[in-house]
Amino acid sequence: MKAKMLMAVFFCGILAFTACKNNNEAKNNEEIEAQRQTELEMQQQKLESEANNIDTKLSTIDSLRKLHGLIETAQMDELLRVGKGPFTFFAPTNSAISEMNKATLDTLMLPEHREDLANLLQYHLIEEDLSYEELKNEIRDNDGEFELSSMDELGVITATLDGDKIVLIDEKGNKATIVKPDIKASNGVIHLIDGVLQFKGEEETAL
């Protein structure tokens, strides 16, 4: 009788051990599957971000072809591609860039002036995601003028209203109107403008 009881206890122990082992294996499998799913989701988010970042968006808009060429020359494309932001980028159109002084533009395209070109472009970049409507509200809430600090504090851009249109004024008094707003990207927003903005720190060369 005692032997039978010991055998019963022994087999119960084996069954309990097996059940515990199976439970642990199932738990481990669930954890592995959850981790795999998380990794897949992160990879998908990364792919979507790469496909919709500011640099990629700019490269697909024909009216910004010249701007994107300048961005590549200034080696600023990586910032707009992998920079987390969020950013607001005031993007001069082909027509706006065509109105720049040719000698100045040719100089900025030289390797030794790459930093000057990068600074000119970064002056158009704000480290904040601001939609067209949000900009309008900020202008109205600040008595008709809203100051925007550009990336790396290169300078200030003043946003104002002309009727229902937003007009940007740079530090040299030049004006540019937002002609196409709210092109959304994964790391910010793009507003097309009809002029090139300058900050006071730039060389006094007419654009």
N, C-alpha and C. Protein backbone atom coordinates (compact mmCIF):
# COMPACT_ATOMS: atom_id res chain seq x y z
N MET A 1 0.84 -1.21 0.00
CA MET A 1 0.00 0.00 0.00
C MET A 1 0.87 1.25 0.00
N LYS A 2 1.90 1.18 0.85
CA LYS A 2 2.81 2.32 0.94
C LYS A 2 3.54 2.53 -0.39
N ALA A 3 3.92 1.40 -1.03
CA ALA A 3 4.62 1.48 -2.32
C ALA A 3 3.72 2.10 -3.38
N LYS A 4 2.42 1.72 -3.34
CA LYS A 4 1.48 2.29 -4.31
C LYS A 4 1.33 3.80 -4.12
N MET A 5 1.31 4.22 -2.86
CA MET A 5 1.19 5.66 -2.58
C MET A 5 2.42 6.42 -3.06
N LEU A 6 3.59 5.80 -2.84
CA LEU A 6 4.83 6.45 -3.31
C LEU A 6 4.85 6.57 -4.83
N MET A 7 4.38 5.49 -5.49
CA MET A 7 4.32 5.52 -6.96
C MET A 7 3.36 6.60 -7.45
N ALA A 8 2.25 6.72 -6.75
CA ALA A 8 1.26 7.73 -7.13
C ALA A 8 1.83 9.13 -6.98
N VAL A 9 2.52 9.33 -5.84
CA VAL A 9 3.15 10.64 -5.61
C VAL A 9 4.20 10.92 -6.67
N PHE A 10 4.96 9.87 -7.02
CA PHE A 10 6.03 10.01 -8.02
C PHE A 10 5.45 10.43 -9.37
N PHE A 11 4.40 9.72 -9.79
CA PHE A 11 3.79 10.04 -11.08
C PHE A 11 3.13 11.42 -11.08
N CYS A 12 2.54 11.77 -9.94
CA CYS A 12 1.95 13.12 -9.84
C CYS A 12 3.02 14.19 -9.97
N GLY A 13 4.17 13.88 -9.36
CA GLY A 13 5.28 14.84 -9.47
C GLY A 13 5.75 15.01 -10.90
N ILE A 14 5.83 13.86 -11.61
CA ILE A 14 6.24 13.91 -13.02
C ILE A 14 5.24 14.71 -13.84
N LEU A 15 3.95 14.45 -13.59
CA LEU A 15 2.92 15.18 -14.33
C LEU A 15 2.97 16.67 -14.04
N ALA A 16 3.19 17.03 -12.78
CA ALA A 16 3.27 18.45 -12.40
C ALA A 16 4.48 19.11 -13.05
N PHE A 17 5.60 18.37 -13.05
CA PHE A 17 6.83 18.91 -13.66
C PHE A 17 6.64 19.13 -15.16
N THR A 18 6.01 18.12 -15.80
CA THR A 18 5.77 18.22 -17.24
C THR A 18 4.84 19.38 -17.57
N ALA A 19 3.79 19.53 -16.75
CA ALA A 19 2.84 20.63 -16.98
C ALA A 19 3.52 21.97 -16.79
N CYS A 20 4.36 22.06 -15.77
CA CYS A 20 5.08 23.32 -15.50
C CYS A 20 6.03 23.64 -16.65
N LYS A 21 6.71 22.58 -17.13
CA LYS A 21 7.64 22.76 -18.24
C LYS A 21 6.91 23.24 -19.49
N ASN A 22 5.76 22.61 -19.76
CA ASN A 22 4.97 23.00 -20.93
C ASN A 22 4.48 24.45 -20.82
N ASN A 23 4.07 24.82 -19.60
CA ASN A 23 3.62 26.20 -19.37
C ASN A 23 4.74 27.20 -19.61
N ASN A 24 5.93 26.85 -19.13
CA ASN A 24 7.09 27.74 -19.32
C ASN A 24 7.45 27.87 -20.80
N GLU A 25 7.39 26.73 -21.51
CA GLU A 25 7.69 26.76 -22.94
C GLU A 25 6.67 27.60 -23.69
N ALA A 26 5.40 27.45 -23.31
CA ALA A 26 4.34 28.24 -23.95
C ALA A 26 4.54 29.72 -23.68
N LYS A 27 4.92 30.03 -22.43
CA LYS A 27 5.15 31.43 -22.06
C LYS A 27 6.33 32.01 -22.84
N ASN A 28 7.40 31.20 -22.95
CA ASN A 28 8.58 31.65 -23.71
C ASN A 28 8.23 31.87 -25.18
N ASN A 29 7.43 30.96 -25.74
CA ASN A 29 7.02 31.10 -27.14
C ASN A 29 6.20 32.37 -27.35
N GLU A 30 5.32 32.65 -26.38
CA GLU A 30 4.51 33.87 -26.47
C GLU A 30 5.38 35.12 -26.41
N GLU A 31 6.39 35.09 -25.53
CA GLU A 31 7.29 36.24 -25.40
C GLU A 31 8.11 36.43 -26.67
N ILE A 32 8.58 35.32 -27.25
CA ILE A 32 9.35 35.39 -28.50
C ILE A 32 8.50 35.95 -29.62
N GLU A 33 7.25 35.48 -29.70
CA GLU A 33 6.33 35.95 -30.74
C GLU A 33 6.01 37.43 -30.57
N ALA A 34 5.81 37.85 -29.31
CA ALA A 34 5.52 39.27 -29.03
C ALA A 34 6.71 40.15 -29.40
N GLN A 35 7.91 39.66 -29.09
CA GLN A 35 9.12 40.42 -29.44
C GLN A 35 9.28 40.51 -30.95
N ARG A 36 9.00 39.39 -31.64
CA ARG A 36 9.10 39.38 -33.10
C ARG A 36 8.10 40.34 -33.72
N GLN A 37 6.89 40.37 -33.16
CA GLN A 37 5.86 41.27 -33.67
C GLN A 37 6.25 42.73 -33.46
N THR A 38 6.83 43.03 -32.30
CA THR A 38 7.30 44.39 -32.01
C THR A 38 8.38 44.82 -32.98
N GLU A 39 9.31 43.91 -33.26
CA GLU A 39 10.40 44.21 -34.20
C GLU A 39 9.87 44.46 -35.61
N LEU A 40 8.87 43.66 -36.02
CA LEU A 40 8.26 43.84 -37.34
C LEU A 40 7.56 45.19 -37.43
N GLU A 41 6.85 45.57 -36.37
CA GLU A 41 6.15 46.85 -36.35
C GLU A 41 7.13 48.01 -36.41
N MET A 42 8.24 47.90 -35.67
CA MET A 42 9.27 48.94 -35.69
C MET A 42 9.91 49.06 -37.06
N GLN A 43 10.14 47.91 -37.71
CA GLN A 43 10.71 47.92 -39.04
C GLN A 43 9.76 48.56 -40.04
N GLN A 44 8.46 48.25 -39.90
CA GLN A 44 7.45 48.83 -40.79
C GLN A 44 7.37 50.34 -40.61
N GLN A 45 7.42 50.79 -39.34
CA GLN A 45 7.39 52.23 -39.06
C GLN A 45 8.61 52.93 -39.65
N LYS A 46 9.77 52.27 -39.57
CA LYS A 46 10.99 52.83 -40.13
C LYS A 46 10.89 52.98 -41.64
N LEU A 47 10.34 51.94 -42.30
CA LEU A 47 10.18 51.98 -43.76
C LEU A 47 9.21 53.09 -44.17
N GLU A 48 8.11 53.22 -43.43
CA GLU A 48 7.14 54.27 -43.73
C GLU A 48 7.73 55.65 -43.51
N SER A 49 8.53 55.79 -42.45
CA SER A 49 9.18 57.07 -42.16
C SER A 49 10.16 57.44 -43.26
N GLU A 50 10.93 56.46 -43.73
CA GLU A 50 11.91 56.71 -44.79
C GLU A 50 11.22 57.09 -46.10
N ALA A 51 10.04 56.54 -46.31
CA ALA A 51 9.32 56.80 -47.56
C ALA A 51 8.58 58.14 -47.54
N ASN A 52 8.39 58.71 -46.36
CA ASN A 52 7.57 59.92 -46.24
C ASN A 52 8.26 61.08 -45.54
N ASN A 53 9.59 61.02 -45.40
CA ASN A 53 10.30 62.11 -44.73
C ASN A 53 10.35 63.35 -45.61
N ILE A 54 10.79 64.46 -45.04
CA ILE A 54 10.80 65.74 -45.76
C ILE A 54 11.65 65.67 -47.02
N ASP A 55 12.84 65.07 -46.93
CA ASP A 55 13.72 65.00 -48.09
C ASP A 55 13.07 64.23 -49.24
N THR A 56 12.45 63.09 -48.91
CA THR A 56 11.78 62.30 -49.95
C THR A 56 10.62 63.06 -50.56
N LYS A 57 9.84 63.73 -49.73
CA LYS A 57 8.72 64.53 -50.23
C LYS A 57 9.20 65.61 -51.19
N LEU A 58 10.27 66.33 -50.80
CA LEU A 58 10.80 67.40 -51.65
C LEU A 58 11.24 66.86 -53.00
N SER A 59 11.84 65.68 -52.99
CA SER A 59 12.37 65.10 -54.23
C SER A 59 11.27 64.70 -55.21
N THR A 60 10.04 64.56 -54.72
CA THR A 60 8.94 64.12 -55.59
C THR A 60 8.11 65.29 -56.12
N ILE A 61 8.41 66.51 -55.68
CA ILE A 61 7.63 67.68 -56.11
C ILE A 61 8.40 68.43 -57.19
N ASP A 62 7.86 68.47 -58.38
CA ASP A 62 8.58 69.04 -59.52
C ASP A 62 8.92 70.51 -59.33
N SER A 63 8.03 71.26 -58.69
CA SER A 63 8.27 72.70 -58.50
C SER A 63 9.34 72.98 -57.45
N LEU A 64 9.86 71.92 -56.80
CA LEU A 64 10.94 72.08 -55.82
C LEU A 64 12.21 71.38 -56.28
N ARG A 65 12.29 71.10 -57.57
CA ARG A 65 13.44 70.37 -58.12
C ARG A 65 14.75 71.11 -57.88
N LYS A 66 14.75 72.43 -58.10
CA LYS A 66 15.97 73.22 -57.90
C LYS A 66 16.36 73.26 -56.43
N LEU A 67 15.37 73.40 -55.56
CA LEU A 67 15.64 73.41 -54.13
C LEU A 67 16.28 72.10 -53.69
N HIS A 68 15.74 71.00 -54.17
CA HIS A 68 16.30 69.71 -53.75
C HIS A 68 17.73 69.54 -54.25
N GLY A 69 18.02 70.09 -55.42
CA GLY A 69 19.40 70.06 -55.91
C GLY A 69 20.34 70.82 -54.98
N LEU A 70 19.88 71.97 -54.49
CA LEU A 70 20.69 72.75 -53.54
C LEU A 70 20.87 71.99 -52.22
N ILE A 71 19.81 71.34 -51.78
CA ILE A 71 19.87 70.56 -50.54
C ILE A 71 20.91 69.45 -50.64
N GLU A 72 20.95 68.78 -51.78
CA GLU A 72 21.94 67.72 -51.98
C GLU A 72 23.35 68.29 -52.04
N THR A 73 23.51 69.43 -52.70
CA THR A 73 24.83 70.07 -52.79
C THR A 73 25.32 70.46 -51.40
N ALA A 74 24.42 70.95 -50.57
CA ALA A 74 24.77 71.37 -49.21
C ALA A 74 24.89 70.19 -48.25
N GLN A 75 24.62 68.99 -48.76
CA GLN A 75 24.65 67.77 -47.94
C GLN A 75 23.71 67.89 -46.74
N MET A 76 22.57 68.48 -47.00
CA MET A 76 21.56 68.67 -45.96
C MET A 76 20.44 67.64 -46.06
N ASP A 77 20.50 66.80 -47.11
CA ASP A 77 19.44 65.82 -47.33
C ASP A 77 19.34 64.80 -46.20
N GLU A 78 20.48 64.45 -45.60
CA GLU A 78 20.44 63.47 -44.51
C GLU A 78 19.68 64.03 -43.30
N LEU A 79 19.89 65.30 -43.00
CA LEU A 79 19.17 65.93 -41.88
C LEU A 79 17.67 65.86 -42.11
N LEU A 80 17.23 66.15 -43.33
CA LEU A 80 15.80 66.16 -43.63
C LEU A 80 15.23 64.75 -43.78
N ARG A 81 16.13 63.79 -43.96
CA ARG A 81 15.70 62.41 -44.13
C ARG A 81 15.61 61.67 -42.80
N VAL A 82 16.63 61.79 -41.96
CA VAL A 82 16.68 61.01 -40.72
C VAL A 82 16.48 61.86 -39.47
N GLY A 83 16.49 63.18 -39.62
CA GLY A 83 16.24 64.04 -38.47
C GLY A 83 14.84 63.80 -37.93
N LYS A 84 14.74 63.57 -36.62
CA LYS A 84 13.45 63.23 -36.03
C LYS A 84 12.47 64.40 -36.07
N GLY A 85 13.01 65.62 -35.97
CA GLY A 85 12.11 66.76 -35.96
C GLY A 85 11.26 66.80 -34.70
N PRO A 86 10.01 67.24 -34.82
CA PRO A 86 9.37 67.62 -36.09
C PRO A 86 9.85 68.97 -36.59
N PHE A 87 9.82 69.14 -37.92
CA PHE A 87 10.28 70.37 -38.56
C PHE A 87 9.15 71.04 -39.34
N THR A 88 9.29 72.35 -39.51
CA THR A 88 8.52 73.09 -40.50
C THR A 88 9.53 73.64 -41.49
N PHE A 89 9.35 73.31 -42.77
CA PHE A 89 10.31 73.75 -43.79
C PHE A 89 9.60 74.67 -44.78
N PHE A 90 10.08 75.92 -44.85
CA PHE A 90 9.57 76.86 -45.84
C PHE A 90 10.40 76.67 -47.11
N ALA A 91 9.79 76.07 -48.11
CA ALA A 91 10.52 75.60 -49.29
C ALA A 91 10.35 76.54 -50.49
N PRO A 92 11.43 77.25 -50.89
CA PRO A 92 11.35 78.13 -52.06
C PRO A 92 11.14 77.31 -53.34
N THR A 93 10.24 77.78 -54.18
CA THR A 93 9.94 77.09 -55.43
C THR A 93 11.04 77.32 -56.46
N ASN A 94 10.94 76.59 -57.59
CA ASN A 94 11.90 76.78 -58.68
C ASN A 94 11.95 78.25 -59.12
N SER A 95 10.79 78.88 -59.23
CA SER A 95 10.73 80.28 -59.66
C SER A 95 11.45 81.19 -58.69
N ALA A 96 11.28 80.92 -57.39
CA ALA A 96 11.94 81.74 -56.37
C ALA A 96 13.45 81.62 -56.47
N ILE A 97 13.94 80.41 -56.67
CA ILE A 97 15.39 80.21 -56.77
C ILE A 97 15.93 80.80 -58.07
N SER A 98 15.13 80.75 -59.12
CA SER A 98 15.56 81.34 -60.40
C SER A 98 15.75 82.84 -60.31
N GLU A 99 15.07 83.47 -59.35
CA GLU A 99 15.19 84.92 -59.18
C GLU A 99 16.42 85.32 -58.36
N MET A 100 17.13 84.34 -57.81
CA MET A 100 18.35 84.64 -57.07
C MET A 100 19.42 85.20 -58.01
N ASN A 101 20.29 86.03 -57.46
CA ASN A 101 21.42 86.53 -58.23
C ASN A 101 22.27 85.34 -58.69
N LYS A 102 22.50 85.24 -60.01
CA LYS A 102 23.19 84.07 -60.55
C LYS A 102 24.60 83.93 -60.01
N ALA A 103 25.32 85.05 -59.89
CA ALA A 103 26.69 85.00 -59.39
C ALA A 103 26.71 84.48 -57.95
N THR A 104 25.75 84.94 -57.15
CA THR A 104 25.66 84.48 -55.77
C THR A 104 25.36 82.99 -55.70
N LEU A 105 24.42 82.55 -56.52
CA LEU A 105 24.05 81.13 -56.53
C LEU A 105 25.23 80.27 -56.97
N ASP A 106 25.94 80.72 -58.00
CA ASP A 106 27.11 79.98 -58.48
C ASP A 106 28.17 79.87 -57.38
N THR A 107 28.34 80.95 -56.62
CA THR A 107 29.32 80.95 -55.53
C THR A 107 28.91 79.97 -54.44
N LEU A 108 27.63 79.98 -54.09
CA LEU A 108 27.13 79.08 -53.05
C LEU A 108 27.25 77.61 -53.44
N MET A 109 27.29 77.34 -54.73
CA MET A 109 27.39 75.96 -55.20
C MET A 109 28.81 75.41 -55.12
N LEU A 110 29.79 76.29 -54.88
CA LEU A 110 31.19 75.86 -54.79
C LEU A 110 31.42 75.09 -53.49
N PRO A 111 32.28 74.06 -53.53
CA PRO A 111 32.55 73.25 -52.32
C PRO A 111 32.98 74.07 -51.12
N GLU A 112 33.78 75.12 -51.36
CA GLU A 112 34.27 75.93 -50.24
C GLU A 112 33.18 76.80 -49.61
N HIS A 113 32.04 76.90 -50.28
CA HIS A 113 30.92 77.69 -49.73
C HIS A 113 29.73 76.80 -49.34
N ARG A 114 30.01 75.51 -49.18
CA ARG A 114 28.94 74.56 -48.84
C ARG A 114 28.27 74.92 -47.51
N GLU A 115 29.06 75.35 -46.55
CA GLU A 115 28.49 75.71 -45.25
C GLU A 115 27.58 76.93 -45.37
N ASP A 116 27.97 77.90 -46.21
CA ASP A 116 27.12 79.08 -46.42
C ASP A 116 25.78 78.67 -47.04
N LEU A 117 25.84 77.74 -47.99
CA LEU A 117 24.62 77.26 -48.63
C LEU A 117 23.75 76.52 -47.62
N ALA A 118 24.38 75.69 -46.80
CA ALA A 118 23.64 74.95 -45.77
C ALA A 118 22.96 75.91 -44.79
N ASN A 119 23.67 76.97 -44.41
CA ASN A 119 23.09 77.96 -43.49
C ASN A 119 21.89 78.66 -44.12
N LEU A 120 22.02 79.01 -45.40
CA LEU A 120 20.91 79.66 -46.12
C LEU A 120 19.68 78.77 -46.10
N LEU A 121 19.88 77.48 -46.36
CA LEU A 121 18.75 76.55 -46.40
C LEU A 121 18.19 76.29 -45.00
N GLN A 122 19.08 76.17 -44.02
CA GLN A 122 18.61 75.90 -42.65
C GLN A 122 17.87 77.09 -42.05
N TYR A 123 18.11 78.27 -42.59
CA TYR A 123 17.34 79.44 -42.13
C TYR A 123 15.86 79.25 -42.43
N HIS A 124 15.55 78.42 -43.42
CA HIS A 124 14.16 78.15 -43.80
C HIS A 124 13.54 77.02 -42.98
N LEU A 125 14.32 76.45 -42.04
CA LEU A 125 13.89 75.28 -41.29
C LEU A 125 13.62 75.65 -39.83
N ILE A 126 12.41 75.33 -39.38
CA ILE A 126 11.99 75.61 -38.00
C ILE A 126 11.84 74.28 -37.26
N GLU A 127 12.36 74.20 -36.05
CA GLU A 127 12.30 72.95 -35.29
C GLU A 127 10.98 72.83 -34.53
N GLU A 128 9.91 72.83 -35.30
CA GLU A 128 8.56 72.71 -34.75
C GLU A 128 7.61 72.43 -35.90
N ASP A 129 6.61 71.61 -35.66
CA ASP A 129 5.62 71.28 -36.68
C ASP A 129 4.46 72.28 -36.60
N LEU A 130 4.39 73.18 -37.58
CA LEU A 130 3.36 74.22 -37.57
C LEU A 130 2.56 74.17 -38.87
N SER A 131 1.30 73.83 -38.75
CA SER A 131 0.43 73.83 -39.91
C SER A 131 0.09 75.26 -40.31
N TYR A 132 -0.50 75.41 -41.48
CA TYR A 132 -0.89 76.74 -41.97
C TYR A 132 -1.87 77.40 -41.01
N GLU A 133 -2.83 76.62 -40.54
CA GLU A 133 -3.85 77.16 -39.64
C GLU A 133 -3.23 77.54 -38.29
N GLU A 134 -2.29 76.72 -37.83
CA GLU A 134 -1.62 77.03 -36.57
C GLU A 134 -0.80 78.32 -36.69
N LEU A 135 -0.15 78.50 -37.82
CA LEU A 135 0.60 79.74 -38.06
C LEU A 135 -0.33 80.95 -38.03
N LYS A 136 -1.47 80.82 -38.69
CA LYS A 136 -2.45 81.91 -38.70
C LYS A 136 -2.90 82.26 -37.28
N ASN A 137 -3.19 81.23 -36.51
CA ASN A 137 -3.64 81.47 -35.13
C ASN A 137 -2.57 82.15 -34.31
N GLU A 138 -1.33 81.74 -34.49
CA GLU A 138 -0.21 82.36 -33.75
C GLU A 138 -0.05 83.83 -34.14
N ILE A 139 -0.22 84.12 -35.42
CA ILE A 139 -0.12 85.51 -35.89
C ILE A 139 -1.21 86.36 -35.25
N ARG A 140 -2.43 85.85 -35.26
CA ARG A 140 -3.56 86.59 -34.69
C ARG A 140 -3.40 86.77 -33.18
N ASP A 141 -2.88 85.73 -32.52
CA ASP A 141 -2.72 85.79 -31.06
C ASP A 141 -1.57 86.69 -30.63
N ASN A 142 -0.69 87.05 -31.58
CA ASN A 142 0.47 87.88 -31.26
C ASN A 142 0.42 89.24 -31.96
N ASP A 143 -0.79 89.79 -32.04
CA ASP A 143 -1.00 91.14 -32.57
C ASP A 143 -0.49 91.31 -34.00
N GLY A 144 -0.67 90.27 -34.81
CA GLY A 144 -0.37 90.40 -36.23
C GLY A 144 1.03 90.01 -36.65
N GLU A 145 1.90 89.67 -35.69
CA GLU A 145 3.26 89.25 -36.04
C GLU A 145 3.69 88.09 -35.15
N PHE A 146 4.21 87.05 -35.78
CA PHE A 146 4.67 85.89 -35.02
C PHE A 146 6.10 85.58 -35.43
N GLU A 147 7.01 85.64 -34.47
CA GLU A 147 8.43 85.41 -34.76
C GLU A 147 8.78 83.93 -34.64
N LEU A 148 9.47 83.44 -35.67
CA LEU A 148 9.90 82.05 -35.72
C LEU A 148 11.42 82.00 -35.68
N SER A 149 11.96 81.22 -34.78
CA SER A 149 13.41 81.06 -34.68
C SER A 149 13.84 79.89 -35.55
N SER A 150 14.77 80.16 -36.47
CA SER A 150 15.20 79.11 -37.39
C SER A 150 16.15 78.14 -36.71
N MET A 151 16.43 77.05 -37.39
CA MET A 151 17.28 76.01 -36.82
C MET A 151 18.64 76.56 -36.44
N ASP A 152 19.17 76.07 -35.32
CA ASP A 152 20.46 76.51 -34.79
C ASP A 152 20.48 78.01 -34.50
N GLU A 153 19.28 78.60 -34.37
CA GLU A 153 19.15 80.02 -34.06
C GLU A 153 19.94 80.90 -35.03
N LEU A 154 19.89 80.52 -36.31
CA LEU A 154 20.56 81.32 -37.34
C LEU A 154 19.94 82.70 -37.46
N GLY A 155 18.66 82.78 -37.20
CA GLY A 155 17.97 84.06 -37.31
C GLY A 155 16.49 83.91 -37.04
N VAL A 156 15.78 84.99 -37.23
CA VAL A 156 14.34 85.03 -36.96
C VAL A 156 13.58 85.33 -38.24
N ILE A 157 12.47 84.64 -38.43
CA ILE A 157 11.55 84.91 -39.53
C ILE A 157 10.25 85.42 -38.91
N THR A 158 9.73 86.51 -39.43
CA THR A 158 8.49 87.08 -38.91
C THR A 158 7.33 86.73 -39.83
N ALA A 159 6.34 86.04 -39.28
CA ALA A 159 5.15 85.67 -40.05
C ALA A 159 4.05 86.70 -39.82
N THR A 160 3.46 87.17 -40.92
CA THR A 160 2.38 88.16 -40.86
C THR A 160 1.25 87.71 -41.79
N LEU A 161 0.14 88.44 -41.72
CA LEU A 161 -0.98 88.16 -42.61
C LEU A 161 -1.19 89.30 -43.58
N ASP A 162 -1.43 88.93 -44.84
CA ASP A 162 -1.84 89.89 -45.86
C ASP A 162 -3.18 89.39 -46.38
N GLY A 163 -4.25 89.92 -45.81
CA GLY A 163 -5.57 89.36 -46.10
C GLY A 163 -5.65 87.98 -45.48
N ASP A 164 -5.84 86.97 -46.31
CA ASP A 164 -5.92 85.60 -45.82
C ASP A 164 -4.63 84.82 -46.06
N LYS A 165 -3.62 85.50 -46.62
CA LYS A 165 -2.36 84.83 -46.96
C LYS A 165 -1.30 85.11 -45.90
N ILE A 166 -0.45 84.11 -45.67
CA ILE A 166 0.67 84.28 -44.74
C ILE A 166 1.89 84.77 -45.51
N VAL A 167 2.45 85.87 -45.03
CA VAL A 167 3.66 86.45 -45.62
C VAL A 167 4.79 86.36 -44.61
N LEU A 168 5.93 85.85 -45.05
CA LEU A 168 7.11 85.73 -44.20
C LEU A 168 8.08 86.86 -44.51
N ILE A 169 8.62 87.47 -43.47
CA ILE A 169 9.58 88.57 -43.63
C ILE A 169 10.89 88.15 -42.99
N ASP A 170 11.98 88.18 -43.79
CA ASP A 170 13.28 87.78 -43.24
C ASP A 170 13.97 88.95 -42.55
N GLU A 171 15.18 88.72 -42.06
CA GLU A 171 15.89 89.74 -41.29
C GLU A 171 16.41 90.88 -42.16
N LYS A 172 16.35 90.72 -43.48
CA LYS A 172 16.77 91.79 -44.37
C LYS A 172 15.59 92.51 -45.00
N GLY A 173 14.39 92.16 -44.53
CA GLY A 173 13.19 92.84 -45.02
C GLY A 173 12.58 92.22 -46.26
N ASN A 174 13.17 91.15 -46.78
CA ASN A 174 12.60 90.46 -47.94
C ASN A 174 11.33 89.72 -47.53
N LYS A 175 10.39 89.63 -48.45
CA LYS A 175 9.11 88.98 -48.16
C LYS A 175 8.89 87.77 -49.07
N ALA A 176 8.24 86.77 -48.52
CA ALA A 176 7.86 85.58 -49.29
C ALA A 176 6.50 85.12 -48.80
N THR A 177 5.64 84.77 -49.75
CA THR A 177 4.28 84.33 -49.42
C THR A 177 4.19 82.81 -49.50
N ILE A 178 3.49 82.23 -48.56
CA ILE A 178 3.24 80.78 -48.64
C ILE A 178 2.21 80.55 -49.74
N VAL A 179 2.63 79.83 -50.78
CA VAL A 179 1.76 79.63 -51.95
C VAL A 179 1.12 78.25 -51.97
N LYS A 180 1.70 77.31 -51.26
CA LYS A 180 1.10 75.97 -51.14
C LYS A 180 1.46 75.41 -49.77
N PRO A 181 0.50 75.33 -48.86
CA PRO A 181 0.79 74.91 -47.49
C PRO A 181 0.54 73.42 -47.23
N ASP A 182 1.00 73.01 -46.06
CA ASP A 182 0.58 71.76 -45.42
C ASP A 182 0.85 70.49 -46.24
N ILE A 183 2.07 70.36 -46.75
CA ILE A 183 2.48 69.09 -47.34
C ILE A 183 3.09 68.27 -46.19
N LYS A 184 2.35 67.28 -45.74
CA LYS A 184 2.75 66.54 -44.54
C LYS A 184 3.84 65.52 -44.84
N ALA A 185 4.78 65.41 -43.91
CA ALA A 185 5.84 64.41 -43.97
C ALA A 185 5.91 63.69 -42.63
N SER A 186 6.65 62.59 -42.60
CA SER A 186 6.72 61.82 -41.36
C SER A 186 7.44 62.57 -40.25
N ASN A 187 8.31 63.52 -40.63
CA ASN A 187 9.05 64.27 -39.62
C ASN A 187 8.77 65.77 -39.67
N GLY A 188 7.59 66.13 -40.16
CA GLY A 188 7.22 67.54 -40.15
C GLY A 188 6.27 67.94 -41.26
N VAL A 189 6.35 69.20 -41.64
CA VAL A 189 5.45 69.75 -42.66
C VAL A 189 6.22 70.70 -43.57
N ILE A 190 5.79 70.77 -44.83
CA ILE A 190 6.44 71.64 -45.82
C ILE A 190 5.43 72.68 -46.29
N HIS A 191 5.87 73.95 -46.35
CA HIS A 191 5.07 75.02 -46.94
C HIS A 191 5.87 75.61 -48.10
N LEU A 192 5.32 75.60 -49.30
CA LEU A 192 6.00 76.19 -50.45
C LEU A 192 5.89 77.71 -50.40
N ILE A 193 7.01 78.41 -50.67
CA ILE A 193 7.02 79.87 -50.65
C ILE A 193 7.57 80.42 -51.96
N ASP A 194 7.21 81.67 -52.27
CA ASP A 194 7.59 82.26 -53.56
C ASP A 194 8.83 83.16 -53.48
N GLY A 195 9.64 82.98 -52.45
CA GLY A 195 10.85 83.78 -52.32
C GLY A 195 11.89 83.05 -51.49
N VAL A 196 13.14 83.52 -51.59
CA VAL A 196 14.23 82.95 -50.79
C VAL A 196 14.51 83.90 -49.62
N LEU A 197 14.53 83.36 -48.42
CA LEU A 197 14.72 84.17 -47.21
C LEU A 197 16.21 84.25 -46.84
N GLN A 198 16.62 85.41 -46.28
CA GLN A 198 18.00 85.61 -45.86
C GLN A 198 18.06 86.10 -44.42
N PHE A 199 19.14 85.73 -43.73
CA PHE A 199 19.34 86.24 -42.38
C PHE A 199 20.52 87.21 -42.37
N LYS A 200 20.60 88.04 -41.35
CA LYS A 200 21.60 89.10 -41.31
C LYS A 200 23.03 88.58 -41.27
N GLY A 201 23.22 87.39 -40.78
CA GLY A 201 24.57 86.84 -40.68
C GLY A 201 25.18 86.50 -42.02
N GLU A 202 24.37 86.45 -43.08
CA GLU A 202 24.89 86.12 -44.40
C GLU A 202 25.68 87.29 -44.97
N GLU A 203 26.58 86.95 -45.89
CA GLU A 203 27.36 87.99 -46.55
C GLU A 203 26.42 88.93 -47.30
N GLU A 204 26.78 90.18 -47.32
CA GLU A 204 25.93 91.17 -47.97
C GLU A 204 26.06 91.08 -49.49
N THR A 205 25.53 89.98 -50.03
CA THR A 205 25.52 89.78 -51.47
C THR A 205 24.09 89.64 -51.91
N ALA A 206 23.69 90.42 -52.89
CA ALA A 206 22.29 90.41 -53.30
C ALA A 206 21.91 89.07 -53.89
N LEU A 207 20.74 88.58 -53.47
CA LEU A 207 20.20 87.38 -54.07
C LEU A 207 19.29 87.75 -55.24
